Protein backbone atom coordinates (compact mmCIF):
# COMPACT_ATOMS: atom_id res chain seq x y z
CA MET A 1 -0.11 0.14 0.15
CA ALA A 2 2.46 2.65 0.09
CA ARG A 3 1.78 5.83 -0.46
CA TRP A 4 5.12 7.95 0.35
CA LEU A 5 5.54 11.81 1.48
CA ARG A 6 8.52 12.93 -0.55
CA ASP A 7 10.48 15.97 -0.17
CA ILE A 8 11.52 17.49 -3.79
CA GLN A 9 13.99 20.03 -4.22
CA GLY A 10 15.13 21.84 -7.28
CA ALA A 11 16.98 20.32 -9.96
CA GLY A 12 15.51 16.92 -9.37
CA SER A 13 16.34 15.61 -6.56
CA GLU A 14 14.04 13.81 -4.17
CA ALA A 15 14.41 12.28 -0.46
CA ALA A 16 11.58 9.85 1.66
CA VAL A 17 10.52 11.26 3.91
CA SER A 18 7.52 9.23 5.38
CA ASP A 19 5.92 5.85 4.39
CA VAL A 20 2.70 7.73 5.39
CA GLY A 21 -0.53 5.18 3.86
CA ASP A 22 1.37 2.58 5.41
CA GLN A 23 1.25 4.04 9.07
CA ASP A 24 -2.10 5.11 8.18
CA TRP A 25 -3.56 1.95 7.36
CA THR A 26 -2.02 0.54 10.23
CA TRP A 27 -3.46 2.78 12.71
CA THR A 28 -7.03 2.17 11.12
CA SER A 29 -6.58 -1.55 10.57
CA THR A 30 -6.09 -1.20 15.28
CA ARG A 31 -9.50 1.09 14.98
CA ILE A 32 -11.75 -0.47 12.66
CA ASN A 33 -14.66 0.17 15.43
CA LEU A 34 -14.39 3.89 14.09
CA ALA A 35 -15.30 3.17 10.59
CA PRO A 36 -16.56 -0.74 10.61
CA LYS A 37 -17.28 0.01 6.80
CA ASP A 38 -14.49 1.24 5.36
CA PHE A 39 -11.23 0.77 7.48
CA PRO A 40 -8.56 -0.56 7.12
CA ASP A 41 -8.07 2.37 4.77
CA ALA A 42 -5.32 4.69 3.92
CA ASN A 43 -5.70 7.44 1.17
CA PRO A 44 -2.66 10.03 1.61
CA ASN A 45 -4.48 12.90 -0.09
CA ALA A 46 -2.77 16.67 0.27
CA ALA A 47 0.66 18.00 2.28
CA VAL A 48 1.33 20.74 3.66
CA TYR A 49 4.60 21.94 5.15
CA SER A 50 4.07 25.15 7.06
CA ARG A 51 6.36 26.71 9.98
CA GLY A 52 9.09 23.92 9.44
CA HIS A 53 6.24 21.07 10.47
CA ARG A 54 5.03 18.42 7.18
CA TYR A 55 1.38 17.80 8.07
CA VAL A 56 -1.02 15.03 5.55
CA ILE A 57 -4.25 14.28 5.23
CA ASP A 58 -5.60 11.18 4.41
CA ALA A 59 -9.19 10.94 2.55
CA GLY A 60 -8.98 7.52 3.77
CA ALA A 61 -8.11 6.93 7.13
CA ASN A 62 -9.96 10.61 7.60
CA ILE A 63 -6.98 11.85 9.83
CA LEU A 64 -4.61 14.70 9.52
CA VAL A 65 -1.39 13.96 10.43
CA LYS A 66 1.72 15.62 11.36
CA VAL A 67 5.31 14.05 10.33
CA LYS A 68 8.69 13.96 12.87
CA ARG A 69 11.53 14.44 11.35
CA ASN A 70 12.17 10.87 11.53
CA GLY A 71 9.29 9.58 9.56
CA ALA A 72 6.50 8.87 12.26
CA VAL A 73 3.57 10.05 12.07
CA LYS A 74 1.44 11.52 15.07
CA VAL A 75 -2.42 11.78 14.73
CA LEU A 76 -3.79 14.79 15.75
CA ALA A 77 -7.23 14.48 14.25
CA PHE A 78 -9.87 11.87 13.24
CA PHE A 79 -12.75 13.12 11.33
CA ARG A 80 -16.10 10.88 12.32
CA VAL A 81 -18.54 9.99 9.80
CA PRO A 82 -20.83 12.18 10.26
CA ALA A 83 -24.56 11.51 11.89
CA GLY A 84 -26.81 10.76 9.05
CA ALA A 85 -24.46 10.90 6.03
CA GLN A 86 -24.35 8.34 3.62
CA SER A 87 -20.76 8.60 3.14
CA ASP A 88 -17.69 9.38 6.03
CA ALA A 89 -16.00 12.32 5.95
CA VAL A 90 -13.33 12.17 3.15
CA PRO A 91 -10.68 15.26 4.03
CA THR A 92 -9.08 16.11 0.76
CA CYS A 93 -7.04 19.02 1.73
CA VAL A 94 -5.12 21.11 4.11
CA ALA A 95 -3.85 24.58 4.39
CA ARG A 96 -2.45 26.95 7.46
CA GLY A 97 -4.90 29.54 7.93
CA PRO A 98 -3.92 33.17 8.96
CA ASP A 99 -4.73 32.91 12.36
CA GLY A 100 -2.08 30.24 12.29
CA ALA A 101 -4.81 27.35 12.42
CA LEU A 102 -4.92 24.54 10.05
CA TYR A 103 -7.82 24.01 7.43
CA VAL A 104 -9.76 21.13 6.73
CA GLY A 105 -11.68 20.75 3.42
CA GLU A 106 -13.62 17.34 3.64
CA TRP A 107 -16.35 15.85 1.08
CA LEU A 108 -18.42 15.65 4.13
CA GLY A 109 -20.68 12.72 3.61
CA GLY A 110 -21.43 13.41 -0.33
CA PHE A 111 -22.83 10.43 -2.67
CA CYS A 112 -20.66 9.24 -4.81
CA SER A 113 -22.88 9.28 -7.16
CA PRO A 114 -23.34 10.94 -11.22
CA GLY A 115 -23.32 14.74 -9.96
CA HIS A 116 -21.84 14.29 -6.85
CA ALA A 117 -18.34 14.22 -5.00
CA LEU A 118 -16.91 11.37 -7.47
CA ASN A 119 -18.19 8.55 -9.35
CA GLU A 120 -16.28 6.26 -11.02
CA GLY A 121 -18.82 4.33 -13.15
CA PRO A 122 -18.44 2.99 -16.55
CA THR A 123 -19.96 6.42 -17.37
CA ALA A 124 -18.03 8.23 -15.51
CA ASN A 125 -15.86 11.59 -16.96
CA PRO A 126 -12.62 11.49 -14.67
CA ALA A 127 -11.39 14.75 -16.60
CA GLY A 128 -9.98 17.46 -13.89
CA ASP A 129 -8.09 20.75 -13.72
CA VAL A 130 -6.41 23.22 -12.30
CA VAL A 131 -7.65 26.62 -12.58
CA ARG A 132 -5.61 29.82 -11.80
CA ILE A 133 -8.20 32.78 -10.15
CA ASP A 134 -6.62 36.50 -10.42
CA ARG A 135 -7.31 39.18 -8.62
CA HIS A 136 -10.04 40.37 -10.87
CA GLY A 137 -11.52 36.73 -11.38
CA HIS A 138 -10.28 36.03 -14.69
CA ARG A 139 -9.86 32.22 -14.65
CA THR A 140 -6.98 30.20 -16.52
CA HIS A 141 -7.33 26.71 -17.08
CA LEU A 142 -4.09 25.06 -16.65
CA GLY A 143 -4.59 21.41 -16.98
CA VAL A 144 -8.00 20.53 -19.10
CA GLY A 145 -7.03 17.76 -20.75
CA ARG A 146 -4.03 16.14 -18.89
CA LEU A 147 -6.15 15.68 -15.65
CA PHE A 148 -7.71 12.92 -14.79
CA PHE A 149 -8.88 12.66 -10.93
CA PRO A 150 -7.05 15.22 -9.69
CA SER A 151 -6.43 15.58 -5.88
CA GLY A 152 -4.60 18.01 -4.79
CA PHE A 153 -2.15 20.44 -6.43
CA ALA A 154 1.09 22.88 -5.10
CA ALA A 155 2.28 26.08 -6.09
CA GLN A 156 5.91 27.13 -6.30
CA SER A 157 7.04 30.77 -5.41
CA ASN A 158 8.64 31.03 -9.55
CA GLY A 159 4.95 30.21 -10.52
CA ALA A 160 5.44 26.59 -11.26
CA ILE A 161 2.42 24.00 -10.73
CA TYR A 162 2.50 20.95 -9.49
CA ALA A 163 -0.74 18.37 -9.14
CA SER A 164 -1.59 15.15 -8.39
CA ASN A 165 -3.04 13.37 -11.67
CA CYS A 166 -4.60 9.53 -12.15
CA SER A 167 -4.98 10.08 -7.57
CA ILE A 168 -7.58 6.83 -7.28
CA ALA A 169 -5.67 4.62 -9.86
CA PRO A 170 -4.20 1.37 -8.71
CA ALA A 171 -0.04 1.11 -9.69
CA ALA A 172 -1.51 -1.09 -12.37
CA GLY A 173 -3.62 2.00 -13.76
CA MET A 174 -7.35 2.34 -14.83
CA GLY A 175 -6.91 0.28 -18.93
CA PRO A 176 -4.65 1.08 -21.06
CA ASP A 177 -5.90 4.67 -22.29
CA LEU A 178 -6.58 5.73 -18.65
CA CYS A 179 -3.63 6.69 -16.65
CA PRO A 180 -1.94 3.29 -17.20
CA THR A 181 0.58 3.54 -14.84
CA GLY A 182 -1.38 4.60 -11.75
CA ASP A 183 -1.15 7.71 -9.44
CA GLN A 184 1.45 10.15 -10.62
CA VAL A 185 2.58 14.06 -9.80
CA VAL A 186 3.00 16.67 -12.66
CA ARG A 187 4.46 19.83 -13.63
CA ASP A 188 3.18 22.37 -15.50
CA ARG A 189 6.08 24.42 -16.33
């Protein structure tokens, strides 16, 4: 299940930081009572580096973790299944707010059918996009036709945009024409 958090520096250098996915899977496998229909599960979905610390949100385990310097993860929050919801919380993004708090976005019990949060059925349209919105509201589409089931992105100060692509694809891909090598990170420039 390995889903690694990697530190990518300029000129293509990269270093493994933590096997977050394996650790999250292990955490859920010992807490099946928290989500009996869903656990064990792990899907590290987004990361943020802030104030010298790394945080990862996991859409499968429904947790926010802090990644320690040695690569071990510490669970900071578990997002419970909302009362009466169709599904679990599915936290998908995390950011540090101007007040210093960490903010988390969730699907929050959304439906997995056409017109809702995610549809993986045979008629599903996996196309995605990253949209830049300037201060005047003008939109520039950066990923149309190149992103499928995107999940998150990061922007560097030099203008480079990195996006997750094929975020739900298994390592073997989703077919010969759709994400044949599984999930990946792509760069706009």
